[in-house]
């Protein structure tokens, strides 16, 4: 059933990608998007900026207008690469730097004020890693962090899962999986972002990133499944084939919103774009 389901998705996507068009959100590199989470009637997004006065977090409304949010502390996050909403909340989020440093915070739905709750560094990482994907899965055992090193042509990616205890911010039972995807072939990053669908399926955006002016390319994969108890089951290598290939776009932010897949990009000098794929997982 699983194989048939994703073969259906593959044929379906080949039709959808020709019909849907990318929407330009912003043309500036400062507002390129590296992570996304649903918030209110729009989306919360993060930007991988490193310099002072550059935006870190913005609200993207339904008219595709960005509203820069104010970080509550003088020291700004450095190179935010992922964002995810925490289970059981509508306005609590976790954002992650490429170093693995994570920020838990609330966003007030009325004045968009950020309230920082906790910072910590995710376990199981090394100084060679450059983390770009993060998702949170609500299992029968509790919350599971799923995060990954982007990898390169010279280094396979590492996907890490760990149980998280919100009461004391304890992170334990760390497990690692080696991820090596066949496409793109050049300037590759196996994990540019991670997303979990409504059935617990784990997805990655793998990208080709040759530099600030591209040309970029993205392949979307279904790489495995989260079980009810929070265990990640890696797909058989024969199933690790791209379900969609996108030219001239570097997807670094994706989210399943109901039965739709939302893709947003960090196109470097070309800014950020948006694509919505409708009815992706209808059976």
C-alpha atoms as a PDB file:
ATOM      1  CA  UNK A   1       0.000   0.000   0.000  1.00  0.00           C
ATOM      2  CA  UNK A   2       2.820   2.423   0.852  1.00  0.00           C
ATOM      3  CA  UNK A   3       4.587   1.839  -2.480  1.00  0.00           C
ATOM      4  CA  UNK A   4       1.359   2.292  -4.442  1.00  0.00           C
ATOM      5  CA  UNK A   5       0.593   5.454  -2.528  1.00  0.00           C
ATOM      6  CA  UNK A   6       3.880   7.124  -3.373  1.00  0.00           C
ATOM      7  CA  UNK A   7       3.857   5.948  -6.979  1.00  0.00           C
ATOM      8  CA  UNK A   8       0.519   7.743  -7.196  1.00  0.00           C
ATOM      9  CA  UNK A   9       2.096  10.860  -5.697  1.00  0.00           C
ATOM     10  CA  UNK A  10       4.912  10.750  -8.252  1.00  0.00           C
ATOM     11  CA  UNK A  11       2.532  10.679 -11.208  1.00  0.00           C
ATOM     12  CA  UNK A  12       0.312  13.298  -9.591  1.00  0.00           C
ATOM     13  CA  UNK A  13       3.168  15.696  -8.954  1.00  0.00           C
ATOM     14  CA  UNK A  14       4.327  15.598 -12.561  1.00  0.00           C
ATOM     15  CA  UNK A  15       0.959  17.104 -13.480  1.00  0.00           C
ATOM     16  CA  UNK A  16       0.738  19.640 -10.651  1.00  0.00           C
ATOM     17  CA  UNK A  17       4.167  21.163 -11.092  1.00  0.00           C
ATOM     18  CA  UNK A  18       3.347  22.127 -14.668  1.00  0.00           C
ATOM     19  CA  UNK A  19       0.146  23.901 -13.606  1.00  0.00           C
ATOM     20  CA  UNK A  20       1.168  25.745 -10.467  1.00  0.00           C
ATOM     21  CA  UNK A  21       3.363  28.820 -10.628  1.00  0.00           C
ATOM     22  CA  UNK A  22       5.908  30.152  -8.191  1.00  0.00           C
ATOM     23  CA  UNK A  23       5.028  33.451  -6.520  1.00  0.00           C
ATOM     24  CA  UNK A  24       7.787  35.967  -5.773  1.00  0.00           C
ATOM     25  CA  UNK A  25       7.645  36.917  -2.070  1.00  0.00           C
ATOM     26  CA  UNK A  26      10.645  39.238  -1.953  1.00  0.00           C
ATOM     27  CA  UNK A  27      13.600  40.051  -4.194  1.00  0.00           C
ATOM     28  CA  UNK A  28      16.148  40.793  -1.466  1.00  0.00           C
ATOM     29  CA  UNK A  29      18.608  38.240  -0.159  1.00  0.00           C
ATOM     30  CA  UNK A  30      17.937  39.461   3.389  1.00  0.00           C
ATOM     31  CA  UNK A  31      14.370  38.183   3.122  1.00  0.00           C
ATOM     32  CA  UNK A  32      15.138  34.778   1.634  1.00  0.00           C
ATOM     33  CA  UNK A  33      13.377  32.044   3.633  1.00  0.00           C
ATOM     34  CA  UNK A  34      15.059  29.107   5.367  1.00  0.00           C
ATOM     35  CA  UNK A  35      12.232  27.796   7.565  1.00  0.00           C
ATOM     36  CA  UNK A  36       8.448  28.045   7.885  1.00  0.00           C
ATOM     37  CA  UNK A  37       5.631  27.257  10.338  1.00  0.00           C
ATOM     38  CA  UNK A  38       1.892  27.921  10.208  1.00  0.00           C
ATOM     39  CA  UNK A  39       0.775  30.902  12.293  1.00  0.00           C
ATOM     40  CA  UNK A  40      -2.598  32.663  12.417  1.00  0.00           C
ATOM     41  CA  UNK A  41      -3.871  33.198   8.835  1.00  0.00           C
ATOM     42  CA  UNK A  42      -0.375  33.154   7.382  1.00  0.00           C
ATOM     43  CA  UNK A  43       3.078  31.792   8.174  1.00  0.00           C
ATOM     44  CA  UNK A  44       5.985  32.502  10.460  1.00  0.00           C
ATOM     45  CA  UNK A  45       9.292  32.344   8.550  1.00  0.00           C
ATOM     46  CA  UNK A  46      12.974  32.582   9.466  1.00  0.00           C
ATOM     47  CA  UNK A  47      15.859  34.137   7.565  1.00  0.00           C
ATOM     48  CA  UNK A  48      19.449  32.835   7.726  1.00  0.00           C
ATOM     49  CA  UNK A  49      21.033  36.249   8.225  1.00  0.00           C
ATOM     50  CA  UNK A  50      24.203  36.784  10.234  1.00  0.00           C
ATOM     51  CA  UNK A  51      24.713  40.557  10.447  1.00  0.00           C
ATOM     52  CA  UNK A  52      23.234  43.136  12.815  1.00  0.00           C
ATOM     53  CA  UNK A  53      19.984  44.873  11.824  1.00  0.00           C
ATOM     54  CA  UNK A  54      19.154  42.121   9.336  1.00  0.00           C
ATOM     55  CA  UNK A  55      15.796  40.341   9.849  1.00  0.00           C
ATOM     56  CA  UNK A  56      15.687  36.998  11.676  1.00  0.00           C
ATOM     57  CA  UNK A  57      11.954  36.227  11.846  1.00  0.00           C
ATOM     58  CA  UNK A  58       9.010  37.589   9.858  1.00  0.00           C
ATOM     59  CA  UNK A  59       5.295  37.037   9.520  1.00  0.00           C
ATOM     60  CA  UNK A  60       4.095  36.275   5.987  1.00  0.00           C
ATOM     61  CA  UNK A  61       0.425  37.169   5.601  1.00  0.00           C
ATOM     62  CA  UNK A  62      -2.074  35.740   3.120  1.00  0.00           C
ATOM     63  CA  UNK A  63      -1.286  38.599   0.715  1.00  0.00           C
ATOM     64  CA  UNK A  64       2.399  37.508   0.722  1.00  0.00           C
ATOM     65  CA  UNK A  65       3.548  40.606   2.591  1.00  0.00           C
ATOM     66  CA  UNK A  66       6.389  40.179   5.069  1.00  0.00           C
ATOM     67  CA  UNK A  67       6.315  41.823   8.494  1.00  0.00           C
ATOM     68  CA  UNK A  68       9.684  41.808  10.248  1.00  0.00           C
ATOM     69  CA  UNK A  69       9.425  40.798  13.928  1.00  0.00           C
ATOM     70  CA  UNK A  70      11.636  42.182  16.690  1.00  0.00           C
ATOM     71  CA  UNK A  71      13.908  39.718  18.497  1.00  0.00           C
ATOM     72  CA  UNK A  72      13.536  40.226  22.288  1.00  0.00           C
ATOM     73  CA  UNK A  73      17.259  40.204  23.139  1.00  0.00           C
ATOM     74  CA  UNK A  74      20.214  42.353  21.983  1.00  0.00           C
ATOM     75  CA  UNK A  75      22.153  39.298  20.766  1.00  0.00           C
ATOM     76  CA  UNK A  76      20.453  38.043  17.631  1.00  0.00           C
ATOM     77  CA  UNK A  77      20.264  34.421  16.446  1.00  0.00           C
ATOM     78  CA  UNK A  78      22.966  33.535  13.934  1.00  0.00           C
ATOM     79  CA  UNK A  79      22.074  31.720  10.699  1.00  0.00           C
ATOM     80  CA  UNK A  80      18.565  30.433  11.488  1.00  0.00           C
ATOM     81  CA  UNK A  81      17.895  27.472   9.206  1.00  0.00           C
ATOM     82  CA  UNK A  82      14.697  25.853  10.474  1.00  0.00           C
ATOM     83  CA  UNK A  83      11.417  26.551  12.234  1.00  0.00           C
ATOM     84  CA  UNK A  84       8.617  24.347  13.548  1.00  0.00           C
ATOM     85  CA  UNK A  85       5.475  24.812  15.640  1.00  0.00           C
ATOM     86  CA  UNK A  86       5.458  22.929  18.933  1.00  0.00           C
ATOM     87  CA  UNK A  87       2.690  20.334  19.530  1.00  0.00           C
ATOM     88  CA  UNK A  88      -0.466  21.403  21.406  1.00  0.00           C
ATOM     89  CA  UNK A  89       0.176  25.116  20.811  1.00  0.00           C
ATOM     90  CA  UNK A  90      -0.887  27.633  18.197  1.00  0.00           C
ATOM     91  CA  UNK A  91       1.814  30.181  19.004  1.00  0.00           C
ATOM     92  CA  UNK A  92       4.793  28.296  20.471  1.00  0.00           C
ATOM     93  CA  UNK A  93       7.726  27.591  18.140  1.00  0.00           C
ATOM     94  CA  UNK A  94      11.234  26.221  17.953  1.00  0.00           C
ATOM     95  CA  UNK A  95      13.849  27.765  15.654  1.00  0.00           C
ATOM     96  CA  UNK A  96      17.273  26.266  14.972  1.00  0.00           C
ATOM     97  CA  UNK A  97      20.608  27.724  13.942  1.00  0.00           C
ATOM     98  CA  UNK A  98      22.942  25.833  11.587  1.00  0.00           C
ATOM     99  CA  UNK A  99      25.113  25.112  14.655  1.00  0.00           C
ATOM    100  CA  UNK A 100      22.292  23.194  16.363  1.00  0.00           C
ATOM    101  CA  UNK A 101      21.476  25.942  18.848  1.00  0.00           C
ATOM    102  CA  UNK A 102      17.709  26.030  19.328  1.00  0.00           C
ATOM    103  CA  UNK A 103      15.326  28.718  20.556  1.00  0.00           C
ATOM    104  CA  UNK A 104      11.913  28.052  22.097  1.00  0.00           C
ATOM    105  CA  UNK A 105       9.594  31.059  22.015  1.00  0.00           C
ATOM    106  CA  UNK A 106       6.028  32.330  21.929  1.00  0.00           C
ATOM    107  CA  UNK A 107       4.646  34.829  19.426  1.00  0.00           C
ATOM    108  CA  UNK A 108       1.762  37.005  20.620  1.00  0.00           C
ATOM    109  CA  UNK A 109      -1.029  36.750  18.010  1.00  0.00           C
ATOM    110  CA  UNK A 110      -2.142  40.359  18.676  1.00  0.00           C
ATOM    111  CA  UNK A 111       1.047  42.416  18.598  1.00  0.00           C
ATOM    112  CA  UNK A 112       3.477  39.765  17.222  1.00  0.00           C
ATOM    113  CA  UNK A 113       5.789  40.217  20.197  1.00  0.00           C
ATOM    114  CA  UNK A 114       8.301  37.396  20.679  1.00  0.00           C
ATOM    115  CA  UNK A 115       8.757  35.938  24.172  1.00  0.00           C
ATOM    116  CA  UNK A 116      11.866  33.790  24.453  1.00  0.00           C
ATOM    117  CA  UNK A 117      11.399  30.761  26.724  1.00  0.00           C
ATOM    118  CA  UNK A 118      14.546  28.664  26.507  1.00  0.00           C
ATOM    119  CA  UNK A 119      17.713  28.131  24.484  1.00  0.00           C
ATOM    120  CA  UNK A 120      19.657  24.886  24.233  1.00  0.00           C
ATOM    121  CA  UNK A 121      21.921  22.978  21.859  1.00  0.00           C
ATOM    122  CA  UNK A 122      20.595  19.831  20.230  1.00  0.00           C
ATOM    123  CA  UNK A 123      22.588  16.678  21.062  1.00  0.00           C
ATOM    124  CA  UNK A 124      24.428  14.300  18.749  1.00  0.00           C
ATOM    125  CA  UNK A 125      25.997  16.890  16.468  1.00  0.00           C
ATOM    126  CA  UNK A 126      29.635  17.473  15.515  1.00  0.00           C
ATOM    127  CA  UNK A 127      31.533  20.587  14.467  1.00  0.00           C
ATOM    128  CA  UNK A 128      31.597  19.302  10.873  1.00  0.00           C
ATOM    129  CA  UNK A 129      27.820  19.387  10.618  1.00  0.00           C
ATOM    130  CA  UNK A 130      25.760  22.228   9.197  1.00  0.00           C
ATOM    131  CA  UNK A 131      22.152  21.701  10.282  1.00  0.00           C
ATOM    132  CA  UNK A 132      19.345  22.852   7.983  1.00  0.00           C
ATOM    133  CA  UNK A 133      16.276  20.724   8.740  1.00  0.00           C
ATOM    134  CA  UNK A 134      14.152  20.388  11.863  1.00  0.00           C
ATOM    135  CA  UNK A 135      10.708  18.922  12.549  1.00  0.00           C
ATOM    136  CA  UNK A 136       8.783  17.930  15.690  1.00  0.00           C
ATOM    137  CA  UNK A 137       6.638  14.787  15.889  1.00  0.00           C
ATOM    138  CA  UNK A 138       4.087  14.183  18.624  1.00  0.00           C
ATOM    139  CA  UNK A 139       4.278  10.453  19.427  1.00  0.00           C
ATOM    140  CA  UNK A 140       2.632   8.227  22.024  1.00  0.00           C
ATOM    141  CA  UNK A 141       5.891   8.416  24.018  1.00  0.00           C
ATOM    142  CA  UNK A 142       6.116  12.185  23.781  1.00  0.00           C
ATOM    143  CA  UNK A 143       7.616  14.782  21.498  1.00  0.00           C
ATOM    144  CA  UNK A 144      10.381  13.793  19.088  1.00  0.00           C
ATOM    145  CA  UNK A 145      12.881  16.197  17.551  1.00  0.00           C
ATOM    146  CA  UNK A 146      13.995  15.218  14.036  1.00  0.00           C
ATOM    147  CA  UNK A 147      16.900  17.246  12.694  1.00  0.00           C
ATOM    148  CA  UNK A 148      19.568  16.858  10.056  1.00  0.00           C
ATOM    149  CA  UNK A 149      22.930  17.938   8.725  1.00  0.00           C
ATOM    150  CA  UNK A 150      22.702  19.123   5.128  1.00  0.00           C
ATOM    151  CA  UNK A 151      25.715  17.107   3.926  1.00  0.00           C
ATOM    152  CA  UNK A 152      27.610  17.668   0.685  1.00  0.00           C
ATOM    153  CA  UNK A 153      29.168  15.798  -2.222  1.00  0.00           C
ATOM    154  CA  UNK A 154      31.989  14.805   0.124  1.00  0.00           C
ATOM    155  CA  UNK A 155      29.927  14.087   3.241  1.00  0.00           C
ATOM    156  CA  UNK A 156      26.719  12.119   3.674  1.00  0.00           C
ATOM    157  CA  UNK A 157      23.993  13.746   5.726  1.00  0.00           C
ATOM    158  CA  UNK A 158      23.126  12.637   9.242  1.00  0.00           C
ATOM    159  CA  UNK A 159      19.496  12.541  10.344  1.00  0.00           C
ATOM    160  CA  UNK A 160      19.052  12.583  14.120  1.00  0.00           C
ATOM    161  CA  UNK A 161      15.993  11.780  16.227  1.00  0.00           C
ATOM    162  CA  UNK A 162      15.669  12.428  19.952  1.00  0.00           C
ATOM    163  CA  UNK A 163      12.892  12.432  22.543  1.00  0.00           C
ATOM    164  CA  UNK A 164      12.179  15.806  24.151  1.00  0.00           C
ATOM    165  CA  UNK A 165      10.661  16.424  27.583  1.00  0.00           C
ATOM    166  CA  UNK A 166       9.064  19.922  27.639  1.00  0.00           C
ATOM    167  CA  UNK A 167       8.821  20.112  31.449  1.00  0.00           C
ATOM    168  CA  UNK A 168      12.590  20.160  31.977  1.00  0.00           C
ATOM    169  CA  UNK A 169      13.881  20.519  28.381  1.00  0.00           C
ATOM    170  CA  UNK A 170      15.597  17.136  28.680  1.00  0.00           C
ATOM    171  CA  UNK A 171      16.602  15.575  25.336  1.00  0.00           C
ATOM    172  CA  UNK A 172      17.426  11.860  25.333  1.00  0.00           C
ATOM    173  CA  UNK A 173      17.412   8.576  23.349  1.00  0.00           C
ATOM    174  CA  UNK A 174      19.407  10.047  20.470  1.00  0.00           C
ATOM    175  CA  UNK A 175      19.468   7.971  17.267  1.00  0.00           C
ATOM    176  CA  UNK A 176      21.353   8.678  14.026  1.00  0.00           C
ATOM    177  CA  UNK A 177      20.757   7.672  10.401  1.00  0.00           C
ATOM    178  CA  UNK A 178      23.017   8.194   7.378  1.00  0.00           C
ATOM    179  CA  UNK A 179      21.211   9.875   4.483  1.00  0.00           C
ATOM    180  CA  UNK A 180      22.653   9.794   0.962  1.00  0.00           C
ATOM    181  CA  UNK A 181      20.282  10.732  -1.852  1.00  0.00           C
ATOM    182  CA  UNK A 182      20.951  10.214  -5.577  1.00  0.00           C
ATOM    183  CA  UNK A 183      19.834  13.617  -6.858  1.00  0.00           C
ATOM    184  CA  UNK A 184      20.846  16.413  -7.295  1.00  0.00           C
ATOM    185  CA  UNK A 185      24.284  15.187  -8.242  1.00  0.00           C
ATOM    186  CA  UNK A 186      26.315  18.419  -8.012  1.00  0.00           C
ATOM    187  CA  UNK A 187      26.764  20.913  -5.153  1.00  0.00           C
ATOM    188  CA  UNK A 188      24.365  18.719  -3.232  1.00  0.00           C
ATOM    189  CA  UNK A 189      22.696  19.103   0.139  1.00  0.00           C
ATOM    190  CA  UNK A 190      20.662  16.046   1.101  1.00  0.00           C
ATOM    191  CA  UNK A 191      18.717  17.914   3.787  1.00  0.00           C
ATOM    192  CA  UNK A 192      17.776  21.554   3.188  1.00  0.00           C
ATOM    193  CA  UNK A 193      14.586  21.185   5.224  1.00  0.00           C
ATOM    194  CA  UNK A 194      12.433  18.478   6.802  1.00  0.00           C
ATOM    195  CA  UNK A 195       8.659  18.160   7.015  1.00  0.00           C
ATOM    196  CA  UNK A 196       6.215  15.598   8.426  1.00  0.00           C
ATOM    197  CA  UNK A 197       2.918  14.870   6.695  1.00  0.00           C
ATOM    198  CA  UNK A 198      -0.396  14.041   8.373  1.00  0.00           C
ATOM    199  CA  UNK A 199       0.410  10.308   8.292  1.00  0.00           C
ATOM    200  CA  UNK A 200       3.824  10.628   9.969  1.00  0.00           C
ATOM    201  CA  UNK A 201       5.769  10.509   6.714  1.00  0.00           C
ATOM    202  CA  UNK A 202       9.145  12.267   6.837  1.00  0.00           C
ATOM    203  CA  UNK A 203      10.090  14.365   3.802  1.00  0.00           C
ATOM    204  CA  UNK A 204      13.241  16.227   2.810  1.00  0.00           C
ATOM    205  CA  UNK A 205      14.148  18.866   0.277  1.00  0.00           C
ATOM    206  CA  UNK A 206      17.508  18.035  -1.305  1.00  0.00           C
ATOM    207  CA  UNK A 207      19.132  20.910  -3.163  1.00  0.00           C
ATOM    208  CA  UNK A 208      21.903  21.863  -5.533  1.00  0.00           C
ATOM    209  CA  UNK A 209      23.500  25.102  -4.335  1.00  0.00           C
ATOM    210  CA  UNK A 210      26.498  26.166  -6.445  1.00  0.00           C
ATOM    211  CA  UNK A 211      26.593  29.746  -5.122  1.00  0.00           C
ATOM    212  CA  UNK A 212      24.658  32.946  -4.546  1.00  0.00           C
ATOM    213  CA  UNK A 213      23.602  33.213  -8.204  1.00  0.00           C
ATOM    214  CA  UNK A 214      22.695  29.569  -8.774  1.00  0.00           C
ATOM    215  CA  UNK A 215      21.589  27.861 -10.917  1.00  0.00           C
ATOM    216  CA  UNK A 216      19.643  26.091  -8.161  1.00  0.00           C
ATOM    217  CA  UNK A 217      17.755  22.831  -8.195  1.00  0.00           C
ATOM    218  CA  UNK A 218      15.594  20.968  -5.668  1.00  0.00           C
ATOM    219  CA  UNK A 219      14.393  17.372  -5.350  1.00  0.00           C
ATOM    220  CA  UNK A 220      11.622  16.434  -2.923  1.00  0.00           C
ATOM    221  CA  UNK A 221      11.847  13.002  -1.257  1.00  0.00           C
ATOM    222  CA  UNK A 222       9.806  10.891   1.136  1.00  0.00           C
ATOM    223  CA  UNK A 223      12.633   9.333   3.184  1.00  0.00           C
ATOM    224  CA  UNK A 224      10.845   7.446   5.944  1.00  0.00           C
ATOM    225  CA  UNK A 225       8.055   7.107   8.447  1.00  0.00           C
ATOM    226  CA  UNK A 226       7.570   7.968  12.103  1.00  0.00           C
ATOM    227  CA  UNK A 227       5.861   5.226  14.083  1.00  0.00           C
ATOM    228  CA  UNK A 228       3.210   5.834  16.720  1.00  0.00           C
ATOM    229  CA  UNK A 229       5.831   5.440  19.466  1.00  0.00           C
ATOM    230  CA  UNK A 230       8.258   7.899  17.869  1.00  0.00           C
ATOM    231  CA  UNK A 231      10.628   5.561  16.047  1.00  0.00           C
ATOM    232  CA  UNK A 232      11.946   6.626  12.649  1.00  0.00           C
ATOM    233  CA  UNK A 233      11.774   3.882  10.013  1.00  0.00           C
ATOM    234  CA  UNK A 234      14.083   4.663   7.103  1.00  0.00           C
ATOM    235  CA  UNK A 235      12.750   3.839   3.639  1.00  0.00           C
ATOM    236  CA  UNK A 236      14.392   1.057   1.648  1.00  0.00           C
ATOM    237  CA  UNK A 237      17.066   2.485  -0.702  1.00  0.00           C
ATOM    238  CA  UNK A 238      14.994   1.383  -3.725  1.00  0.00           C
ATOM    239  CA  UNK A 239      12.289   3.869  -2.645  1.00  0.00           C
ATOM    240  CA  UNK A 240      14.678   6.814  -2.258  1.00  0.00           C
ATOM    241  CA  UNK A 241      13.841   8.442  -5.556  1.00  0.00           C
ATOM    242  CA  UNK A 242      12.792  12.079  -6.018  1.00  0.00           C
ATOM    243  CA  UNK A 243       9.036  12.581  -6.144  1.00  0.00           C
ATOM    244  CA  UNK A 244       9.490  16.028  -7.651  1.00  0.00           C
ATOM    245  CA  UNK A 245      12.414  17.825  -9.314  1.00  0.00           C
ATOM    246  CA  UNK A 246      12.326  21.623  -9.443  1.00  0.00           C
ATOM    247  CA  UNK A 247      14.684  23.707 -11.553  1.00  0.00           C
ATOM    248  CA  UNK A 248      15.880  27.208 -10.637  1.00  0.00           C
ATOM    249  CA  UNK A 249      14.532  27.090  -7.076  1.00  0.00           C
ATOM    250  CA  UNK A 250      16.344  26.265  -3.809  1.00  0.00           C
ATOM    251  CA  UNK A 251      13.673  25.039  -1.389  1.00  0.00           C
ATOM    252  CA  UNK A 252      14.784  25.497   2.209  1.00  0.00           C
ATOM    253  CA  UNK A 253      11.359  25.730   3.838  1.00  0.00           C
ATOM    254  CA  UNK A 254       8.449  23.322   3.474  1.00  0.00           C
ATOM    255  CA  UNK A 255       5.363  22.448   5.467  1.00  0.00           C
ATOM    256  CA  UNK A 256       2.269  20.292   5.097  1.00  0.00           C
ATOM    257  CA  UNK A 257      -0.775  22.473   5.628  1.00  0.00           C
ATOM    258  CA  UNK A 258      -3.857  20.251   5.732  1.00  0.00           C
ATOM    259  CA  UNK A 259      -3.610  18.346   2.408  1.00  0.00           C
ATOM    260  CA  UNK A 260      -1.308  20.820   0.735  1.00  0.00           C
ATOM    261  CA  UNK A 261       2.453  21.024   0.526  1.00  0.00           C
ATOM    262  CA  UNK A 262       3.853  24.553   0.900  1.00  0.00           C
ATOM    263  CA  UNK A 263       7.332  25.239  -0.479  1.00  0.00           C
ATOM    264  CA  UNK A 264       9.368  28.413   0.087  1.00  0.00           C
ATOM    265  CA  UNK A 265      12.861  29.227  -1.071  1.00  0.00           C
ATOM    266  CA  UNK A 266      16.183  30.721  -0.155  1.00  0.00           C
ATOM    267  CA  UNK A 267      17.248  31.726  -3.646  1.00  0.00           C
ATOM    268  CA  UNK A 268      20.116  33.809  -2.266  1.00  0.00           C
ATOM    269  CA  UNK A 269      20.581  36.901  -4.483  1.00  0.00           C
ATOM    270  CA  UNK A 270      17.166  36.291  -6.055  1.00  0.00           C
ATOM    271  CA  UNK A 271      15.241  36.414  -2.766  1.00  0.00           C
ATOM    272  CA  UNK A 272      12.320  34.171  -1.832  1.00  0.00           C
ATOM    273  CA  UNK A 273       9.499  32.452  -3.719  1.00  0.00           C
ATOM    274  CA  UNK A 274       6.391  30.452  -2.783  1.00  0.00           C
ATOM    275  CA  UNK A 275       4.612  27.421  -4.274  1.00  0.00           C
ATOM    276  CA  UNK A 276       1.511  25.619  -3.035  1.00  0.00           C
ATOM    277  CA  UNK A 277       0.814  22.100  -4.253  1.00  0.00           C
ATOM    278  CA  UNK A 278      -2.827  21.195  -3.746  1.00  0.00           C
ATOM    279  CA  UNK A 279      -4.283  17.862  -2.658  1.00  0.00           C
ATOM    280  CA  UNK A 280      -0.869  16.227  -2.450  1.00  0.00           C
ATOM    281  CA  UNK A 281      -1.851  13.347  -0.195  1.00  0.00           C
ATOM    282  CA  UNK A 282      -5.412  12.629  -1.219  1.00  0.00           C
ATOM    283  CA  UNK A 283      -5.995   8.882  -1.440  1.00  0.00           C
END
